[in-house]
Amino acid sequence: SASSTCETLEKEKNDLLIAYEGILQKVKDEHIAELSDLEEKLKQFYTGECEKLQTIFIEEAEKYKNELQEKVDDLNCTHEAYRLAAEASHADDLEHIKSEYDKSLTDLKDSQERENKVLEDSFKEKQAELEKKIEELKQENEFLKEKLRIEEEQRKQSKEKNTQKNPQVMYLEQELESLKAVLEIKNEKLHQQDKKLMQIEKLVETNTILVERLNKCQQENEDLKARMANHIAISRQLSTEQEVLQRSLDKESKANKRLSMENEELLWKLHNGDLCSPKKLSPSSPGIPFHPSRNSGTFSSPTVSPR
C-alpha cells in the first residue's frame, strides 16, 4: 500500500511536471509573441517620433540657414555700402585736392603772367624813356658839336691872328684843351658809372620781385605737400579700415560657410535617416528608454497567472 501510494505520488508528480513544462512553454511562447508585438509597436512608435524629429530638425536647419544667409546678405550689403561710400569719399577728396591744385596752379600762372606783363610794360616804358633821353642827348650833342666847331673855327681864326702876338695865351689855350680832354674822360666815366648804377638798381628790383615770387611759390608748394600728405594719410587709413573690414567679412563668411556646410551635412543625414534609424530590439537589450505613461493602454504587457 505504501509502495502504491509512492507510485501514485510519483505518477502525479510526473504528470504535474509535464503539465508545468507545457504551461511554462506556453507562457514562454506567449511572452515571445508579446515581445515581438511590443517590438513592432515600439518600432512604429519610434519611427513616427523619428520622422517628427526629422521634420523639426529640417525646419530648424532651414530656419538657421535662412537666418545665416540674411546675416551674410546684411554684412555684404553693409560692406558694399561702406566700400562705395569710402570710394566715393576718396574720389571726392582726390577731385577736391586736384581742383584746388589746378586752381592754385592757374592762379600762380595768371599771377606770373600779370607780373611778367607788368615787368615787360615797365621795361618797354623805361626803354622808351631811355631812347627818348638818348635821342635828346644826341641832339644836344650834335648841337654842342656844331657850337664847338663854330667856336673852334673862331678860335683858330683868332689863334692865327694872335699866334705871334701872345705866347702866354697859347699856353693857356693848350692847358684849356688838356683840361677839356680830362673833363670829357671824367664825364664819360661818370656816364658809365650812372649806367652801371641804373642796371644794378634794376637788377636789385628784379631780384627782389623774383625772391618774393619764389617765396610765394615755395609756400604754396609746402601747402600742397601738406595737403597731399594729409590725403595720403587719409587714404592709408581708409585702406587699413577696408582691409580690417574685409578680413572680418572673410572670417564671417568662412564661419557662415562652415555652418552652412554643417547644416547641409545635417540635412543630408536627416534625409538619409542616419541620425535616428530604428535598430532592431531584442528582449535582452534595453534600447531607448520607454515611458508607459504616454500609451499605457496600448503597450501594457499581459499578466501571467500561475495555473
Protein backbone atom coordinates (compact mmCIF):
# COMPACT_ATOMS: atom_id res chain seq x y z
CA SER A 1 0.00 0.00 0.00
CA ALA A 2 2.85 2.39 0.78
CA SER A 3 4.58 1.49 -2.48
CA SER A 4 1.38 2.00 -4.45
CA THR A 5 0.95 5.36 -2.77
CA CYS A 6 4.51 6.28 -3.71
CA GLU A 7 3.93 5.19 -7.26
CA THR A 8 0.74 7.21 -7.37
CA LEU A 9 2.50 10.25 -5.97
CA GLU A 10 5.38 9.72 -8.36
CA LYS A 11 2.98 9.49 -11.26
CA GLU A 12 1.13 12.62 -10.16
CA LYS A 13 4.46 14.33 -9.75
CA ASN A 14 5.48 13.40 -13.29
CA ASP A 15 2.09 14.50 -14.60
CA LEU A 16 2.43 17.79 -12.76
CA LEU A 17 5.96 18.24 -14.13
CA ILE A 18 4.75 17.53 -17.66
CA ALA A 19 1.80 19.88 -17.18
CA TYR A 20 4.09 22.53 -15.66
CA GLU A 21 6.56 22.24 -18.52
CA GLY A 22 3.71 22.57 -21.01
CA ILE A 23 2.32 25.57 -19.22
CA LEU A 24 5.83 27.07 -18.94
CA GLN A 25 6.45 26.51 -22.65
CA LYS A 26 3.10 28.05 -23.48
CA VAL A 27 3.87 31.06 -21.26
CA LYS A 28 7.27 31.40 -22.93
CA ASP A 29 5.67 31.27 -26.38
CA GLU A 30 3.08 33.85 -25.35
CA HIS A 31 5.81 36.03 -23.84
CA ILE A 32 7.89 35.82 -27.03
CA ALA A 33 4.82 36.67 -29.11
CA GLU A 34 4.04 39.62 -26.84
CA LEU A 35 7.66 40.78 -27.05
CA SER A 36 7.55 40.58 -30.85
CA ASP A 37 4.30 42.52 -30.90
CA LEU A 38 5.75 45.05 -28.46
CA GLU A 39 8.90 45.36 -30.56
CA GLU A 40 6.84 46.01 -33.67
CA LYS A 41 4.76 48.63 -31.88
CA LEU A 42 7.93 50.24 -30.49
CA LYS A 43 9.41 50.30 -33.99
CA GLN A 44 6.31 52.03 -35.31
CA PHE A 45 6.31 54.46 -32.38
CA TYR A 46 10.00 55.37 -32.71
CA THR A 47 9.69 55.59 -36.49
CA GLY A 48 6.91 58.16 -36.09
CA GLU A 49 8.87 60.03 -33.44
CA CYS A 50 11.99 59.96 -35.61
CA GLU A 51 10.04 61.34 -38.56
CA LYS A 52 8.72 64.12 -36.34
CA LEU A 53 12.26 64.88 -35.16
CA GLN A 54 13.49 64.83 -38.74
CA THR A 55 10.78 67.31 -39.71
CA ILE A 56 11.64 69.53 -36.73
CA PHE A 57 15.37 69.29 -37.48
CA ILE A 58 14.80 70.14 -41.14
CA GLU A 59 12.62 73.13 -40.25
CA GLU A 60 15.14 74.36 -37.66
CA ALA A 61 18.03 73.83 -40.07
CA GLU A 62 16.23 75.74 -42.82
CA LYS A 63 15.39 78.47 -40.33
CA TYR A 64 19.02 78.79 -39.17
CA LYS A 65 20.22 78.61 -42.77
CA ASN A 66 17.88 81.43 -43.79
CA GLU A 67 18.90 83.50 -40.76
CA LEU A 68 22.59 82.96 -41.53
CA GLN A 69 22.01 83.81 -45.17
CA GLU A 70 20.19 87.00 -44.13
CA LYS A 71 23.11 87.92 -41.85
CA VAL A 72 25.58 87.23 -44.65
CA ASP A 73 23.50 89.32 -47.05
CA ASP A 74 23.27 92.14 -44.49
CA LEU A 75 27.04 92.01 -43.94
CA ASN A 76 27.64 92.02 -47.69
CA CYS A 77 25.29 94.96 -48.16
CA THR A 78 26.89 96.85 -45.25
CA HIS A 79 30.38 96.15 -46.54
CA GLU A 80 29.43 97.12 -50.09
CA ALA A 81 27.79 100.33 -48.88
CA TYR A 82 30.80 101.16 -46.73
CA ARG A 83 33.17 100.38 -49.60
CA LEU A 84 31.17 102.51 -52.04
CA ALA A 85 31.00 105.35 -49.52
CA ALA A 86 34.74 105.11 -48.88
CA GLU A 87 35.47 105.05 -52.62
CA ALA A 88 33.13 107.99 -53.20
CA SER A 89 34.70 109.96 -50.34
CA HIS A 90 38.15 109.05 -51.61
CA ALA A 91 37.25 110.14 -55.14
CA ASP A 92 35.70 113.38 -53.84
CA ASP A 93 38.82 114.14 -51.80
CA LEU A 94 41.03 113.44 -54.80
CA GLU A 95 38.86 115.57 -57.05
CA HIS A 96 38.78 118.38 -54.48
CA ILE A 97 42.54 118.33 -53.99
CA LYS A 98 43.09 118.11 -57.74
CA SER A 99 40.75 121.04 -58.37
CA GLU A 100 42.47 123.07 -55.64
CA TYR A 101 45.85 122.19 -57.11
CA ASP A 102 44.71 123.13 -60.62
CA LYS A 103 43.18 126.34 -59.31
CA SER A 104 46.35 127.23 -57.39
CA LEU A 105 48.46 126.41 -60.43
CA THR A 106 46.20 128.50 -62.66
CA ASP A 107 46.27 131.40 -60.19
CA LEU A 108 50.04 131.12 -59.98
CA LYS A 109 50.35 131.11 -63.77
CA ASP A 110 47.99 134.08 -64.07
CA SER A 111 49.88 135.95 -61.37
CA GLN A 112 53.17 135.17 -63.07
CA GLU A 113 51.81 136.27 -66.44
CA ARG A 114 50.49 139.51 -64.91
CA GLU A 115 53.81 140.17 -63.21
CA ASN A 116 55.66 139.40 -66.43
CA LYS A 117 53.35 141.73 -68.33
CA VAL A 118 53.85 144.46 -65.73
CA LEU A 119 57.61 143.96 -65.89
CA GLU A 120 57.53 143.94 -69.69
CA ASP A 121 55.41 147.10 -69.81
CA SER A 122 57.68 148.77 -67.28
CA PHE A 123 60.71 147.67 -69.27
CA LYS A 124 59.22 148.99 -72.52
CA GLU A 125 58.26 152.25 -70.82
CA LYS A 126 61.73 152.70 -69.36
CA GLN A 127 63.30 151.69 -72.65
CA ALA A 128 61.18 154.28 -74.46
CA GLU A 129 62.16 156.90 -71.89
CA LEU A 130 65.82 155.99 -72.23
CA GLU A 131 65.61 156.03 -76.04
CA LYS A 132 63.91 159.41 -75.87
CA LYS A 133 66.54 160.69 -73.49
CA ILE A 134 69.30 159.25 -75.67
CA GLU A 135 67.78 160.97 -78.70
CA GLU A 136 67.62 164.25 -76.80
CA LEU A 137 71.22 163.78 -75.69
CA LYS A 138 72.23 163.04 -79.27
CA GLN A 139 70.53 166.18 -80.49
CA GLU A 140 72.13 168.16 -77.70
CA ASN A 141 75.46 166.54 -78.54
CA GLU A 142 75.08 167.47 -82.20
CA PHE A 143 74.17 170.99 -81.20
CA LEU A 144 77.17 171.20 -78.88
CA LYS A 145 79.42 169.72 -81.55
CA GLU A 146 78.22 172.30 -84.03
CA LYS A 147 78.66 175.03 -81.48
CA LEU A 148 82.08 173.69 -80.59
CA ARG A 149 83.03 173.52 -84.28
CA ILE A 150 81.99 177.13 -84.77
CA GLU A 151 83.87 178.20 -81.69
CA GLU A 152 86.83 176.12 -82.84
CA GLU A 153 86.78 177.89 -86.18
CA GLN A 154 86.57 181.21 -84.48
CA ARG A 155 89.33 180.20 -82.08
CA LYS A 156 91.54 179.04 -84.93
CA GLN A 157 90.97 182.24 -86.76
CA SER A 158 91.70 184.18 -83.63
CA LYS A 159 94.70 181.98 -82.97
CA GLU A 160 96.09 182.57 -86.43
CA LYS A 161 95.78 186.25 -85.82
CA ASN A 162 97.37 186.16 -82.41
CA THR A 163 99.93 183.41 -82.92
CA GLN A 164 102.86 185.69 -82.90
CA LYS A 165 101.39 188.19 -80.52
CA ASN A 166 100.94 186.40 -77.14
CA PRO A 167 102.73 183.11 -76.24
CA GLN A 168 101.14 183.06 -72.81
CA VAL A 169 97.68 182.93 -74.38
CA MET A 170 98.79 180.00 -76.49
CA TYR A 171 100.00 178.18 -73.39
CA LEU A 172 96.69 178.80 -71.65
CA GLU A 173 94.78 177.55 -74.67
CA GLN A 174 96.81 174.34 -74.65
CA GLU A 175 96.11 173.89 -70.95
CA LEU A 176 92.46 174.52 -71.65
CA GLU A 177 92.44 171.81 -74.31
CA SER A 178 94.06 169.38 -71.89
CA LEU A 179 91.52 170.20 -69.22
CA LYS A 180 88.71 169.72 -71.73
CA ALA A 181 90.05 166.29 -72.65
CA VAL A 182 90.34 165.30 -68.98
CA LEU A 183 86.85 166.63 -68.33
CA GLU A 184 85.42 164.63 -71.22
CA ILE A 185 87.12 161.46 -69.93
CA LYS A 186 85.72 162.05 -66.44
CA ASN A 187 82.26 162.78 -67.83
CA GLU A 188 82.39 159.54 -69.82
CA LYS A 189 83.40 157.61 -66.71
CA LEU A 190 80.59 159.23 -64.73
CA HIS A 191 78.15 158.37 -67.50
CA GLN A 192 79.31 154.73 -67.48
CA GLN A 193 79.01 154.58 -63.70
CA ASP A 194 75.48 156.01 -63.87
CA LYS A 195 74.53 153.37 -66.42
CA LYS A 196 76.01 150.62 -64.24
CA LEU A 197 74.22 152.02 -61.19
CA MET A 198 70.91 152.03 -63.06
CA GLN A 199 71.47 148.44 -64.20
CA ILE A 200 72.34 147.39 -60.65
CA GLU A 201 69.21 149.08 -59.28
CA LYS A 202 67.12 147.38 -61.94
CA LEU A 203 68.72 144.01 -61.18
CA VAL A 204 68.13 144.51 -57.44
CA GLU A 205 64.49 145.37 -58.05
CA THR A 206 64.04 142.35 -60.36
CA ASN A 207 65.82 140.12 -57.85
CA THR A 208 63.54 141.32 -55.04
CA ILE A 209 60.46 140.58 -57.14
CA LEU A 210 61.81 137.14 -58.06
CA VAL A 211 62.64 136.36 -54.41
CA GLU A 212 59.11 137.31 -53.37
CA ARG A 213 57.64 135.15 -56.12
CA LEU A 214 59.96 132.28 -55.16
CA ASN A 215 58.92 132.52 -51.50
CA LYS A 216 55.28 132.57 -52.53
CA CYS A 217 55.75 129.52 -54.78
CA GLN A 218 57.64 127.68 -52.03
CA GLN A 219 54.87 128.44 -49.53
CA GLU A 220 52.21 127.23 -51.96
CA ASN A 221 54.31 124.14 -52.68
CA GLU A 222 54.60 123.42 -48.94
CA ASP A 223 50.82 123.82 -48.57
CA LEU A 224 50.24 121.43 -51.46
CA LYS A 225 52.72 118.93 -49.98
CA ALA A 226 50.94 119.12 -46.61
CA ARG A 227 47.57 118.56 -48.30
CA MET A 228 48.94 115.65 -50.30
CA ALA A 229 50.48 114.13 -47.14
CA ASN A 230 47.15 114.53 -45.33
CA HIS A 231 45.34 112.98 -48.26
CA ILE A 232 47.82 110.07 -48.37
CA ALA A 233 47.34 109.51 -44.61
CA ILE A 234 43.55 109.52 -45.05
CA SER A 235 43.85 107.11 -47.99
CA ARG A 236 46.06 104.77 -45.97
CA GLN A 237 43.65 104.91 -43.04
CA LEU A 238 40.73 104.12 -45.34
CA SER A 239 42.71 101.27 -46.91
CA THR A 240 43.57 99.89 -43.46
CA GLU A 241 39.94 100.10 -42.32
CA GLN A 242 38.83 98.46 -45.54
CA GLU A 243 41.36 95.63 -45.08
CA VAL A 244 40.21 95.11 -41.46
CA LEU A 245 36.59 95.08 -42.57
CA GLN A 246 37.44 92.71 -45.42
CA ARG A 247 39.22 90.33 -43.03
CA SER A 248 36.27 90.48 -40.64
CA LEU A 249 33.91 89.81 -43.52
CA ASP A 250 36.09 86.91 -44.69
CA LYS A 251 36.02 85.43 -41.18
CA GLU A 252 32.25 85.83 -41.00
CA SER A 253 31.93 84.34 -44.47
CA LYS A 254 34.13 81.37 -43.53
CA ALA A 255 32.16 80.83 -40.32
CA ASN A 256 28.87 81.09 -42.19
CA LYS A 257 30.18 78.75 -44.88
CA ARG A 258 31.26 76.25 -42.22
CA LEU A 259 27.85 76.47 -40.51
CA SER A 260 26.16 76.13 -43.88
CA MET A 261 28.22 73.01 -44.66
CA GLU A 262 27.37 71.58 -41.24
CA ASN A 263 23.70 72.33 -41.85
CA GLU A 264 23.91 70.73 -45.29
CA GLU A 265 25.58 67.68 -43.74
CA LEU A 266 22.92 67.56 -41.03
CA LEU A 267 20.15 67.87 -43.62
CA TRP A 268 21.77 65.14 -45.69
CA LYS A 269 21.97 62.87 -42.66
CA LEU A 270 18.38 63.66 -41.75
CA HIS A 271 17.16 62.94 -45.27
CA ASN A 272 19.10 59.69 -45.40
CA GLY A 273 17.97 58.58 -41.93
CA ASP A 274 21.47 58.29 -40.45
CA LEU A 275 20.65 60.11 -37.23
CA CYS A 276 17.82 58.03 -35.76
CA SER A 277 17.33 54.90 -37.87
CA PRO A 278 15.44 52.37 -35.65
CA LYS A 279 17.54 49.45 -34.53
CA LYS A 280 16.06 46.03 -34.01
CA LEU A 281 15.17 45.50 -30.37
CA SER A 282 15.86 42.25 -28.59
CA PRO A 283 14.31 41.13 -25.32
CA SER A 284 17.68 41.30 -23.59
CA SER A 285 18.67 44.82 -24.82
CA PRO A 286 17.09 47.82 -23.03
CA GLY A 287 17.27 50.08 -26.17
CA ILE A 288 15.72 53.53 -25.87
CA PRO A 289 14.03 54.16 -22.51
CA PHE A 290 10.30 53.68 -22.81
CA HIS A 291 7.75 55.55 -20.72
CA PRO A 292 4.47 53.62 -20.43
CA SER A 293 2.65 56.73 -19.25
CA ARG A 294 2.37 58.00 -22.87
CA ASN A 295 0.45 54.98 -24.20
CA SER A 296 -0.09 52.74 -21.20
CA GLY A 297 -3.22 51.22 -22.66
CA THR A 298 -1.53 50.33 -25.92
CA PHE A 299 1.78 48.89 -24.67
CA SER A 300 0.78 47.26 -21.34
CA SER A 301 2.13 43.72 -21.07
CA PRO A 302 -0.36 40.98 -20.07
CA THR A 303 -0.20 39.49 -16.59
CA VAL A 304 0.64 35.80 -16.43
CA SER A 305 -1.27 34.00 -13.72
CA PRO A 306 0.06 30.69 -12.38
CA ARG A 307 -2.02 27.71 -13.09
